[in-house]
Structures are given as structure tokens and as C-alpha cells.
Amino acid sequence: MLDQSLEGFPKSYRLDSGLECEVRPLEARDETPFWEFFQAVPQEERMLIKHHVHRPEVIADWCSKIDYGRNLPLLGFVDDQVIGACTLHQQLGGWKRHIGRISVFIHPLFRGRGLAKSLVQEVIQIAQQSGVEKLEAEFIAEQERAIQVFAFLGFSDLLRLEAYVRDMQAVSHDYVLMGMDLTTDEEYAGVG
């Protein structure tokens, strides 16, 4: 199913500002522009990312061990520059195997143009086609704009915990877990 979902890529998008953007899954050849993408992120925002994306070896590892079944990063490009990334994270076994998690990040110079919304919508569609039943997205409370985008797309608050997580500088933040149910009533038709 996943292979069929990826057959339509790359795709072209016209962002709200009229800017043309190409969207496609991460490839090994994207190591340098993907690393440069994260270097453009202001330090105070980079501290909120769960991984040490300022380290080239982290990005090199991601690009050399691509496994779309576990982590499917969709990248937005303008020319050869990565301007956005949205990833579908999945556990292939265990008690959360039916749940996918979405993370998204947009280059600071390209925010507010509809790219995050477009990327998240693509990932939701891929998740549905891949049989994922539920989606989650994690935030800290200060990520108000991202929380608004996900709410607009159909995610709702599942949990809010005060001072529950810490950024890379060990500063505590409120944790927000949002979720979306991908099952439909039609899937339950005839079950009695």
C-alpha cells in the first residue's frame, strides 16, 4: 500500500504566496540540503526538536538508513533548497502499531504560506492509504501556531500536561498531545 501512495511523487504545489514548491520523500542524495534546512532554524526553536539536528552525523544517518515503513519524511523544495519537512513515524509492532505520529517543520523564511498544511494533508492521506487507524502529533504549549494548523486539519487535544517535557536546554514546557481518528463509519458497516 505504501508503494502505491508514493507513486504520485514528486508533486508540485503552488503555495499561498504563489511560490512553486516540489514535494517528495527524502532520498539519500538530500543529506546536504536537509542538514542545511535544520541549520536555518533559530537556536531557540532547534532546542524543541527531539533530535540533535545540528549534528551532520544525525542527518547523515537518517539519509543512509531510509525506511519509509518506519519514518516517511516528505520534503518541500524550492529549487534544491529544503523549505519544509513532514514525517509520518510508525511502529511496526507492539501496542501502538496502528497509530502513526506526524511531525512537521517549516523553514522560518517560508512559514505562513500554507506549506505545513499541505504537507500534513499529504501525510494524512498516505497514513490512511497505509492502513494507519489513528494519528498523533506532539507539541509544547508554546507552539500555538502549529497547534492551530493541526486543529484546523481535524486533530483534537488528547492530553495536556503541565511542565512535563524538557527541551535540549532542560527547560520545562507544557506537553500537548493531539490526535485524529482515521477510521470511518463505513469501515464498521456490517459489523454486528
N, C-alpha and C. Protein backbone atom coordinates (compact mmCIF):
# COMPACT_ATOMS: atom_id res chain seq x y z
N MET A 1 0.81 -1.20 0.00
CA MET A 1 0.00 0.00 0.00
C MET A 1 0.86 1.27 0.00
N LEU A 2 1.94 1.25 0.78
CA LEU A 2 2.79 2.42 0.87
C LEU A 2 3.42 2.74 -0.48
N ASP A 3 3.86 1.71 -1.19
CA ASP A 3 4.47 1.93 -2.51
C ASP A 3 3.49 2.63 -3.46
N GLN A 4 2.23 2.22 -3.41
CA GLN A 4 1.22 2.87 -4.25
C GLN A 4 1.03 4.33 -3.86
N SER A 5 1.08 4.63 -2.58
CA SER A 5 0.93 6.01 -2.11
C SER A 5 2.05 6.90 -2.61
N LEU A 6 3.23 6.32 -2.76
CA LEU A 6 4.40 7.12 -3.14
C LEU A 6 4.57 7.26 -4.65
N GLU A 7 3.79 6.52 -5.43
CA GLU A 7 3.92 6.57 -6.88
C GLU A 7 3.62 7.96 -7.45
N GLY A 8 2.81 8.74 -6.79
CA GLY A 8 2.43 10.05 -7.30
C GLY A 8 3.45 11.15 -7.06
N PHE A 9 4.58 10.83 -6.45
CA PHE A 9 5.60 11.83 -6.14
C PHE A 9 6.72 11.77 -7.16
N PRO A 10 7.34 12.91 -7.42
CA PRO A 10 7.16 14.22 -6.81
C PRO A 10 5.88 14.90 -7.27
N LYS A 11 5.41 15.82 -6.41
CA LYS A 11 4.22 16.62 -6.72
C LYS A 11 4.60 18.09 -6.68
N SER A 12 3.92 18.88 -7.48
CA SER A 12 4.15 20.32 -7.48
C SER A 12 3.01 21.01 -6.74
N TYR A 13 3.35 22.00 -5.95
CA TYR A 13 2.38 22.80 -5.22
C TYR A 13 2.60 24.27 -5.51
N ARG A 14 1.53 25.01 -5.56
CA ARG A 14 1.62 26.46 -5.58
C ARG A 14 1.16 26.92 -4.20
N LEU A 15 2.09 27.49 -3.44
CA LEU A 15 1.80 27.92 -2.08
C LEU A 15 0.95 29.19 -2.10
N ASP A 16 0.40 29.54 -0.95
CA ASP A 16 -0.49 30.70 -0.84
C ASP A 16 0.13 31.98 -1.40
N SER A 17 1.44 32.08 -1.33
CA SER A 17 2.13 33.28 -1.82
C SER A 17 2.37 33.21 -3.33
N GLY A 18 1.99 32.08 -3.96
CA GLY A 18 2.24 31.90 -5.39
C GLY A 18 3.54 31.18 -5.68
N LEU A 19 4.34 30.93 -4.65
CA LEU A 19 5.61 30.25 -4.80
C LEU A 19 5.38 28.80 -5.22
N GLU A 20 6.15 28.34 -6.22
CA GLU A 20 6.09 26.94 -6.66
C GLU A 20 7.01 26.10 -5.79
N CYS A 21 6.52 24.93 -5.40
CA CYS A 21 7.25 24.05 -4.50
C CYS A 21 7.09 22.61 -4.97
N GLU A 22 8.15 21.81 -4.90
CA GLU A 22 8.07 20.39 -5.22
C GLU A 22 8.08 19.61 -3.90
N VAL A 23 7.23 18.59 -3.79
CA VAL A 23 7.16 17.75 -2.60
C VAL A 23 7.46 16.32 -3.01
N ARG A 24 8.36 15.68 -2.25
CA ARG A 24 8.70 14.28 -2.50
C ARG A 24 9.32 13.69 -1.23
N PRO A 25 9.37 12.36 -1.15
CA PRO A 25 10.01 11.72 0.01
C PRO A 25 11.52 11.99 0.04
N LEU A 26 12.07 11.94 1.24
CA LEU A 26 13.51 12.07 1.46
C LEU A 26 14.25 11.00 0.67
N GLU A 27 15.37 11.39 0.06
CA GLU A 27 16.25 10.47 -0.64
C GLU A 27 17.66 10.63 -0.08
N ALA A 28 18.51 9.64 -0.28
CA ALA A 28 19.87 9.68 0.25
C ALA A 28 20.63 10.91 -0.24
N ARG A 29 20.37 11.33 -1.46
CA ARG A 29 21.08 12.48 -2.05
C ARG A 29 20.70 13.81 -1.40
N ASP A 30 19.70 13.80 -0.50
CA ASP A 30 19.22 15.03 0.14
C ASP A 30 19.98 15.38 1.42
N GLU A 31 21.02 14.65 1.74
CA GLU A 31 21.71 14.84 3.02
C GLU A 31 22.14 16.30 3.25
N THR A 32 22.83 16.90 2.30
CA THR A 32 23.32 18.27 2.49
C THR A 32 22.18 19.28 2.58
N PRO A 33 21.23 19.32 1.64
CA PRO A 33 20.17 20.31 1.79
C PRO A 33 19.27 20.07 3.01
N PHE A 34 19.13 18.81 3.45
CA PHE A 34 18.33 18.52 4.63
C PHE A 34 19.05 19.05 5.88
N TRP A 35 20.35 18.86 5.96
CA TRP A 35 21.12 19.38 7.08
C TRP A 35 21.09 20.92 7.07
N GLU A 36 21.25 21.53 5.89
CA GLU A 36 21.19 22.99 5.78
C GLU A 36 19.83 23.53 6.22
N PHE A 37 18.77 22.80 5.91
CA PHE A 37 17.42 23.17 6.34
C PHE A 37 17.37 23.34 7.85
N PHE A 38 17.90 22.39 8.59
CA PHE A 38 17.85 22.47 10.05
C PHE A 38 18.78 23.53 10.60
N GLN A 39 19.85 23.89 9.87
CA GLN A 39 20.75 24.94 10.35
C GLN A 39 20.09 26.31 10.25
N ALA A 40 19.09 26.45 9.38
CA ALA A 40 18.37 27.72 9.25
C ALA A 40 17.38 27.95 10.38
N VAL A 41 17.13 26.91 11.15
CA VAL A 41 16.19 27.02 12.27
C VAL A 41 16.87 27.79 13.41
N PRO A 42 16.21 28.83 13.91
CA PRO A 42 16.80 29.57 15.04
C PRO A 42 17.10 28.64 16.22
N GLN A 43 18.18 28.93 16.92
CA GLN A 43 18.63 28.10 18.04
C GLN A 43 17.52 27.86 19.06
N GLU A 44 16.74 28.88 19.37
CA GLU A 44 15.68 28.70 20.39
C GLU A 44 14.60 27.73 19.93
N GLU A 45 14.39 27.60 18.62
CA GLU A 45 13.43 26.63 18.10
C GLU A 45 14.07 25.25 17.95
N ARG A 46 15.34 25.22 17.60
CA ARG A 46 16.03 23.94 17.43
C ARG A 46 16.06 23.15 18.74
N MET A 47 16.05 23.86 19.86
CA MET A 47 16.05 23.19 21.16
C MET A 47 14.79 22.38 21.38
N LEU A 48 13.72 22.67 20.63
CA LEU A 48 12.46 21.96 20.80
C LEU A 48 12.39 20.68 19.98
N ILE A 49 13.31 20.50 19.05
CA ILE A 49 13.33 19.30 18.22
C ILE A 49 13.94 18.16 19.04
N LYS A 50 13.37 16.99 18.93
CA LYS A 50 13.78 15.85 19.78
C LYS A 50 15.17 15.32 19.46
N HIS A 51 15.69 15.60 18.29
CA HIS A 51 16.97 15.05 17.87
C HIS A 51 18.00 16.17 17.72
N HIS A 52 19.26 15.81 17.77
CA HIS A 52 20.35 16.78 17.63
C HIS A 52 20.59 17.08 16.15
N VAL A 53 19.65 17.80 15.54
CA VAL A 53 19.71 18.05 14.09
C VAL A 53 20.82 19.02 13.69
N HIS A 54 21.48 19.63 14.66
CA HIS A 54 22.62 20.49 14.35
C HIS A 54 23.87 19.66 14.05
N ARG A 55 23.82 18.37 14.33
CA ARG A 55 24.95 17.48 14.10
C ARG A 55 24.82 16.83 12.71
N PRO A 56 25.79 17.04 11.83
CA PRO A 56 25.71 16.46 10.49
C PRO A 56 25.57 14.94 10.50
N GLU A 57 26.17 14.28 11.49
CA GLU A 57 26.12 12.82 11.52
C GLU A 57 24.70 12.29 11.78
N VAL A 58 23.87 13.07 12.46
CA VAL A 58 22.48 12.66 12.68
C VAL A 58 21.73 12.65 11.35
N ILE A 59 21.88 13.71 10.58
CA ILE A 59 21.20 13.80 9.28
C ILE A 59 21.79 12.76 8.32
N ALA A 60 23.09 12.55 8.36
CA ALA A 60 23.74 11.54 7.51
C ALA A 60 23.17 10.16 7.82
N ASP A 61 22.97 9.87 9.09
CA ASP A 61 22.41 8.58 9.49
C ASP A 61 20.99 8.42 8.96
N TRP A 62 20.18 9.47 9.08
CA TRP A 62 18.80 9.42 8.57
C TRP A 62 18.79 9.15 7.07
N CYS A 63 19.67 9.82 6.34
CA CYS A 63 19.68 9.71 4.88
C CYS A 63 20.29 8.39 4.40
N SER A 64 21.10 7.75 5.21
CA SER A 64 21.70 6.48 4.79
C SER A 64 20.87 5.28 5.21
N LYS A 65 19.91 5.49 6.12
CA LYS A 65 19.09 4.38 6.62
C LYS A 65 17.61 4.68 6.42
N ILE A 66 17.25 5.05 5.22
CA ILE A 66 15.85 5.40 4.93
C ILE A 66 14.99 4.15 4.99
N ASP A 67 13.94 4.21 5.80
CA ASP A 67 12.97 3.13 5.93
C ASP A 67 11.59 3.78 5.97
N TYR A 68 10.97 3.93 4.79
CA TYR A 68 9.69 4.63 4.71
C TYR A 68 8.60 3.96 5.54
N GLY A 69 8.72 2.68 5.82
CA GLY A 69 7.73 1.99 6.65
C GLY A 69 7.75 2.46 8.09
N ARG A 70 8.91 2.90 8.56
CA ARG A 70 9.05 3.40 9.93
C ARG A 70 8.96 4.92 10.00
N ASN A 71 9.67 5.58 9.11
CA ASN A 71 9.71 7.04 9.07
C ASN A 71 9.65 7.48 7.62
N LEU A 72 8.59 8.17 7.28
CA LEU A 72 8.43 8.65 5.91
C LEU A 72 8.47 10.18 5.91
N PRO A 73 9.66 10.76 5.66
CA PRO A 73 9.76 12.22 5.59
C PRO A 73 9.38 12.71 4.19
N LEU A 74 8.41 13.60 4.12
CA LEU A 74 8.10 14.31 2.87
C LEU A 74 8.76 15.67 2.96
N LEU A 75 9.53 16.00 1.94
CA LEU A 75 10.24 17.28 1.93
C LEU A 75 9.65 18.20 0.89
N GLY A 76 9.59 19.48 1.22
CA GLY A 76 9.21 20.52 0.28
C GLY A 76 10.47 21.21 -0.21
N PHE A 77 10.59 21.39 -1.51
CA PHE A 77 11.78 22.01 -2.11
C PHE A 77 11.39 23.22 -2.94
N VAL A 78 12.22 24.23 -2.91
CA VAL A 78 12.23 25.30 -3.90
C VAL A 78 13.63 25.24 -4.50
N ASP A 79 13.68 24.94 -5.78
CA ASP A 79 14.95 24.63 -6.44
C ASP A 79 15.57 23.45 -5.70
N ASP A 80 16.76 23.58 -5.17
CA ASP A 80 17.39 22.48 -4.43
C ASP A 80 17.39 22.73 -2.93
N GLN A 81 16.63 23.70 -2.47
CA GLN A 81 16.59 24.05 -1.05
C GLN A 81 15.39 23.40 -0.38
N VAL A 82 15.65 22.69 0.71
CA VAL A 82 14.55 22.13 1.51
C VAL A 82 13.92 23.28 2.30
N ILE A 83 12.60 23.43 2.14
CA ILE A 83 11.90 24.50 2.85
C ILE A 83 10.88 23.96 3.85
N GLY A 84 10.67 22.66 3.86
CA GLY A 84 9.74 22.08 4.82
C GLY A 84 9.90 20.57 4.87
N ALA A 85 9.57 20.00 6.02
CA ALA A 85 9.63 18.55 6.20
C ALA A 85 8.47 18.12 7.08
N CYS A 86 7.79 17.06 6.66
CA CYS A 86 6.70 16.48 7.44
C CYS A 86 6.91 14.98 7.42
N THR A 87 6.96 14.37 8.60
CA THR A 87 7.29 12.95 8.70
C THR A 87 6.17 12.16 9.34
N LEU A 88 5.88 11.01 8.76
CA LEU A 88 4.98 10.03 9.35
C LEU A 88 5.86 8.98 10.02
N HIS A 89 5.76 8.90 11.36
CA HIS A 89 6.53 7.95 12.16
C HIS A 89 5.59 6.80 12.52
N GLN A 90 6.08 5.56 12.35
CA GLN A 90 5.25 4.39 12.69
C GLN A 90 6.05 3.35 13.45
N GLN A 91 5.37 2.65 14.35
CA GLN A 91 5.93 1.48 15.00
C GLN A 91 5.35 0.28 14.28
N LEU A 92 6.20 -0.60 13.82
CA LEU A 92 5.73 -1.72 13.02
C LEU A 92 5.22 -2.88 13.85
N GLY A 93 5.36 -2.82 15.15
CA GLY A 93 4.86 -3.85 16.04
C GLY A 93 4.48 -3.23 17.37
N GLY A 94 3.96 -4.04 18.25
CA GLY A 94 3.64 -3.55 19.58
C GLY A 94 2.24 -2.95 19.66
N TRP A 95 1.96 -2.39 20.79
CA TRP A 95 0.61 -1.93 21.09
C TRP A 95 0.24 -0.60 20.45
N LYS A 96 1.18 0.05 19.76
CA LYS A 96 0.87 1.29 19.04
C LYS A 96 1.08 1.13 17.54
N ARG A 97 1.07 -0.10 17.05
CA ARG A 97 1.35 -0.35 15.62
C ARG A 97 0.28 0.23 14.70
N HIS A 98 -0.90 0.51 15.20
CA HIS A 98 -1.98 1.07 14.38
C HIS A 98 -2.02 2.60 14.44
N ILE A 99 -1.06 3.18 15.17
CA ILE A 99 -1.02 4.64 15.38
C ILE A 99 0.23 5.21 14.72
N GLY A 100 0.02 6.24 13.92
CA GLY A 100 1.15 6.96 13.33
C GLY A 100 1.31 8.29 14.06
N ARG A 101 2.51 8.84 14.02
CA ARG A 101 2.77 10.15 14.61
C ARG A 101 3.31 11.06 13.52
N ILE A 102 2.82 12.28 13.51
CA ILE A 102 3.23 13.26 12.50
C ILE A 102 4.06 14.35 13.17
N SER A 103 5.17 14.69 12.53
CA SER A 103 5.93 15.87 12.93
C SER A 103 6.15 16.71 11.68
N VAL A 104 6.15 18.03 11.85
CA VAL A 104 6.31 18.92 10.70
C VAL A 104 7.15 20.12 11.13
N PHE A 105 7.98 20.57 10.20
CA PHE A 105 8.77 21.77 10.45
C PHE A 105 8.94 22.52 9.15
N ILE A 106 8.82 23.83 9.21
CA ILE A 106 8.92 24.69 8.03
C ILE A 106 10.06 25.68 8.24
N HIS A 107 10.83 25.88 7.19
CA HIS A 107 11.93 26.86 7.21
C HIS A 107 11.36 28.22 7.63
N PRO A 108 12.03 28.93 8.52
CA PRO A 108 11.49 30.21 9.01
C PRO A 108 11.11 31.21 7.92
N LEU A 109 11.82 31.22 6.79
CA LEU A 109 11.53 32.18 5.73
C LEU A 109 10.32 31.79 4.87
N PHE A 110 9.79 30.58 5.07
CA PHE A 110 8.70 30.09 4.23
C PHE A 110 7.44 29.76 5.03
N ARG A 111 7.37 30.25 6.24
CA ARG A 111 6.19 30.00 7.08
C ARG A 111 5.05 30.92 6.66
N GLY A 112 3.83 30.50 6.99
CA GLY A 112 2.66 31.32 6.71
C GLY A 112 2.22 31.28 5.25
N ARG A 113 2.69 30.31 4.49
CA ARG A 113 2.36 30.22 3.06
C ARG A 113 1.52 28.98 2.73
N GLY A 114 1.15 28.21 3.76
CA GLY A 114 0.31 27.04 3.54
C GLY A 114 1.07 25.74 3.33
N LEU A 115 2.40 25.78 3.44
CA LEU A 115 3.18 24.57 3.20
C LEU A 115 2.93 23.53 4.30
N ALA A 116 2.91 23.94 5.56
CA ALA A 116 2.69 22.98 6.65
C ALA A 116 1.36 22.26 6.46
N LYS A 117 0.33 23.02 6.15
CA LYS A 117 -0.99 22.43 5.94
C LYS A 117 -0.95 21.42 4.79
N SER A 118 -0.33 21.78 3.68
CA SER A 118 -0.25 20.89 2.52
C SER A 118 0.52 19.61 2.84
N LEU A 119 1.65 19.75 3.51
CA LEU A 119 2.46 18.58 3.85
C LEU A 119 1.71 17.65 4.80
N VAL A 120 1.08 18.23 5.82
CA VAL A 120 0.33 17.40 6.78
C VAL A 120 -0.83 16.69 6.08
N GLN A 121 -1.53 17.38 5.18
CA GLN A 121 -2.61 16.73 4.45
C GLN A 121 -2.10 15.56 3.61
N GLU A 122 -0.94 15.71 2.99
CA GLU A 122 -0.34 14.62 2.22
C GLU A 122 -0.04 13.42 3.12
N VAL A 123 0.54 13.70 4.28
CA VAL A 123 0.90 12.62 5.19
C VAL A 123 -0.35 11.93 5.75
N ILE A 124 -1.40 12.70 6.02
CA ILE A 124 -2.66 12.09 6.48
C ILE A 124 -3.18 11.13 5.41
N GLN A 125 -3.16 11.56 4.17
CA GLN A 125 -3.64 10.71 3.07
C GLN A 125 -2.79 9.44 2.94
N ILE A 126 -1.48 9.57 3.04
CA ILE A 126 -0.60 8.40 2.98
C ILE A 126 -0.89 7.46 4.14
N ALA A 127 -1.08 8.01 5.32
CA ALA A 127 -1.38 7.19 6.50
C ALA A 127 -2.68 6.41 6.30
N GLN A 128 -3.71 7.08 5.79
CA GLN A 128 -4.98 6.40 5.54
C GLN A 128 -4.80 5.27 4.54
N GLN A 129 -4.09 5.53 3.46
CA GLN A 129 -3.88 4.52 2.42
C GLN A 129 -3.01 3.36 2.93
N SER A 130 -2.22 3.62 3.96
CA SER A 130 -1.33 2.59 4.51
C SER A 130 -1.98 1.79 5.62
N GLY A 131 -3.21 2.12 5.97
CA GLY A 131 -3.92 1.37 7.00
C GLY A 131 -3.73 1.88 8.42
N VAL A 132 -3.11 3.03 8.58
CA VAL A 132 -2.99 3.61 9.91
C VAL A 132 -4.39 4.01 10.37
N GLU A 133 -4.72 3.71 11.60
CA GLU A 133 -6.06 3.98 12.12
C GLU A 133 -6.16 5.28 12.91
N LYS A 134 -5.06 5.69 13.51
CA LYS A 134 -5.05 6.92 14.32
C LYS A 134 -3.74 7.66 14.08
N LEU A 135 -3.80 8.96 14.21
CA LEU A 135 -2.60 9.78 14.11
C LEU A 135 -2.44 10.60 15.38
N GLU A 136 -1.20 10.82 15.75
CA GLU A 136 -0.87 11.67 16.89
C GLU A 136 0.09 12.76 16.43
N ALA A 137 0.08 13.85 17.17
CA ALA A 137 1.06 14.91 16.98
C ALA A 137 1.39 15.48 18.35
N GLU A 138 2.67 15.66 18.62
CA GLU A 138 3.13 16.15 19.92
C GLU A 138 3.65 17.57 19.79
N PHE A 139 3.36 18.37 20.81
CA PHE A 139 3.78 19.77 20.81
C PHE A 139 4.13 20.19 22.22
N ILE A 140 4.82 21.32 22.31
CA ILE A 140 4.86 22.04 23.58
C ILE A 140 3.86 23.17 23.43
N ALA A 141 3.34 23.63 24.54
CA ALA A 141 2.24 24.61 24.51
C ALA A 141 2.60 25.89 23.76
N GLU A 142 3.87 26.26 23.74
CA GLU A 142 4.29 27.48 23.05
C GLU A 142 4.16 27.38 21.53
N GLN A 143 3.99 26.21 20.99
CA GLN A 143 3.87 26.04 19.54
C GLN A 143 2.41 26.27 19.12
N GLU A 144 1.90 27.41 19.49
CA GLU A 144 0.49 27.73 19.28
C GLU A 144 0.07 27.70 17.81
N ARG A 145 0.89 28.23 16.93
CA ARG A 145 0.53 28.26 15.51
C ARG A 145 0.41 26.84 14.94
N ALA A 146 1.36 25.98 15.28
CA ALA A 146 1.31 24.60 14.81
C ALA A 146 0.08 23.88 15.37
N ILE A 147 -0.23 24.12 16.61
CA ILE A 147 -1.41 23.50 17.23
C ILE A 147 -2.67 23.96 16.50
N GLN A 148 -2.73 25.23 16.12
CA GLN A 148 -3.88 25.75 15.36
C GLN A 148 -4.01 25.08 14.00
N VAL A 149 -2.89 24.87 13.31
CA VAL A 149 -2.91 24.23 11.99
C VAL A 149 -3.45 22.80 12.12
N PHE A 150 -2.95 22.06 13.10
CA PHE A 150 -3.40 20.69 13.29
C PHE A 150 -4.88 20.64 13.69
N ALA A 151 -5.32 21.57 14.52
CA ALA A 151 -6.74 21.62 14.89
C ALA A 151 -7.59 21.90 13.66
N PHE A 152 -7.16 22.80 12.80
CA PHE A 152 -7.87 23.11 11.56
C PHE A 152 -8.00 21.87 10.68
N LEU A 153 -7.00 21.00 10.71
CA LEU A 153 -6.99 19.80 9.88
C LEU A 153 -7.74 18.62 10.50
N GLY A 154 -8.29 18.81 11.69
CA GLY A 154 -9.12 17.76 12.29
C GLY A 154 -8.54 17.08 13.51
N PHE A 155 -7.38 17.50 13.96
CA PHE A 155 -6.81 16.94 15.19
C PHE A 155 -7.47 17.61 16.39
N SER A 156 -7.58 16.87 17.48
CA SER A 156 -8.13 17.44 18.71
C SER A 156 -7.19 17.12 19.86
N ASP A 157 -7.30 17.89 20.94
CA ASP A 157 -6.47 17.67 22.12
C ASP A 157 -6.82 16.32 22.74
N LEU A 158 -5.81 15.53 22.99
CA LEU A 158 -5.99 14.28 23.72
C LEU A 158 -5.51 14.42 25.15
N LEU A 159 -4.47 15.26 25.33
CA LEU A 159 -3.83 15.35 26.63
C LEU A 159 -3.00 16.62 26.73
N ARG A 160 -3.05 17.26 27.88
CA ARG A 160 -2.18 18.40 28.18
C ARG A 160 -1.62 18.18 29.57
N LEU A 161 -0.29 18.22 29.67
CA LEU A 161 0.37 18.01 30.95
C LEU A 161 1.30 19.18 31.24
N GLU A 162 1.13 19.78 32.39
CA GLU A 162 1.90 20.96 32.77
C GLU A 162 3.34 20.61 33.10
N ALA A 163 4.27 21.39 32.54
CA ALA A 163 5.72 21.26 32.81
C ALA A 163 6.19 19.81 32.72
N TYR A 164 5.77 19.10 31.69
CA TYR A 164 6.00 17.67 31.58
C TYR A 164 7.23 17.29 30.76
N VAL A 165 7.58 18.10 29.77
CA VAL A 165 8.73 17.79 28.91
C VAL A 165 9.80 18.86 29.05
N ARG A 166 11.02 18.50 28.66
CA ARG A 166 12.13 19.45 28.72
C ARG A 166 12.79 19.54 27.36
N ASP A 167 13.17 20.77 26.98
CA ASP A 167 13.87 20.95 25.71
C ASP A 167 15.35 20.60 25.88
N MET A 168 16.14 20.81 24.84
CA MET A 168 17.55 20.43 24.86
C MET A 168 18.36 21.23 25.88
N GLN A 169 17.79 22.30 26.41
CA GLN A 169 18.46 23.10 27.44
C GLN A 169 17.91 22.80 28.83
N ALA A 170 17.10 21.75 28.91
CA ALA A 170 16.49 21.28 30.17
C ALA A 170 15.47 22.26 30.74
N VAL A 171 14.86 23.07 29.88
CA VAL A 171 13.79 23.97 30.30
C VAL A 171 12.47 23.22 30.16
N SER A 172 11.66 23.25 31.21
CA SER A 172 10.38 22.54 31.20
C SER A 172 9.33 23.29 30.40
N HIS A 173 8.45 22.50 29.74
CA HIS A 173 7.36 23.04 28.94
C HIS A 173 6.12 22.17 29.15
N ASP A 174 4.96 22.77 28.94
CA ASP A 174 3.73 22.00 28.95
C ASP A 174 3.70 21.13 27.70
N TYR A 175 3.25 19.89 27.85
CA TYR A 175 3.18 18.92 26.77
C TYR A 175 1.74 18.84 26.26
N VAL A 176 1.60 18.85 24.92
CA VAL A 176 0.28 18.75 24.29
C VAL A 176 0.32 17.56 23.33
N LEU A 177 -0.62 16.64 23.49
CA LEU A 177 -0.78 15.52 22.57
C LEU A 177 -2.11 15.70 21.86
N MET A 178 -2.05 15.77 20.54
CA MET A 178 -3.26 15.88 19.73
C MET A 178 -3.43 14.59 18.94
N GLY A 179 -4.66 14.29 18.55
CA GLY A 179 -4.90 13.06 17.82
C GLY A 179 -6.01 13.20 16.80
N MET A 180 -6.03 12.24 15.88
CA MET A 180 -7.04 12.19 14.83
C MET A 180 -7.36 10.72 14.58
N ASP A 181 -8.65 10.40 14.49
CA ASP A 181 -9.09 9.05 14.20
C ASP A 181 -9.29 8.95 12.69
N LEU A 182 -8.61 8.01 12.05
CA LEU A 182 -8.70 7.86 10.60
C LEU A 182 -9.74 6.84 10.17
N THR A 183 -10.35 6.13 11.12
CA THR A 183 -11.38 5.16 10.75
C THR A 183 -12.67 5.90 10.44
N THR A 184 -13.47 5.31 9.59
CA THR A 184 -14.74 5.91 9.21
C THR A 184 -15.88 4.97 9.55
N ASP A 185 -17.08 5.50 9.59
CA ASP A 185 -18.25 4.70 9.88
C ASP A 185 -18.41 3.58 8.86
N GLU A 186 -18.03 3.83 7.59
CA GLU A 186 -18.17 2.82 6.55
C GLU A 186 -17.33 1.58 6.87
N GLU A 187 -16.20 1.77 7.56
CA GLU A 187 -15.35 0.65 7.89
C GLU A 187 -16.04 -0.29 8.88
N TYR A 188 -17.00 0.24 9.63
CA TYR A 188 -17.69 -0.58 10.62
C TYR A 188 -19.04 -1.09 10.12
N ALA A 189 -19.40 -0.73 8.91
CA ALA A 189 -20.68 -1.18 8.36
C ALA A 189 -20.72 -2.70 8.29
N GLY A 190 -21.79 -3.26 8.71
CA GLY A 190 -21.96 -4.71 8.64
C GLY A 190 -21.39 -5.43 9.84
N VAL A 191 -20.71 -4.72 10.74
CA VAL A 191 -20.20 -5.36 11.94
C VAL A 191 -21.32 -5.38 12.96
N GLY A 192 -21.65 -6.53 13.48
CA GLY A 192 -22.79 -6.56 14.37
C GLY A 192 -22.67 -7.38 15.54
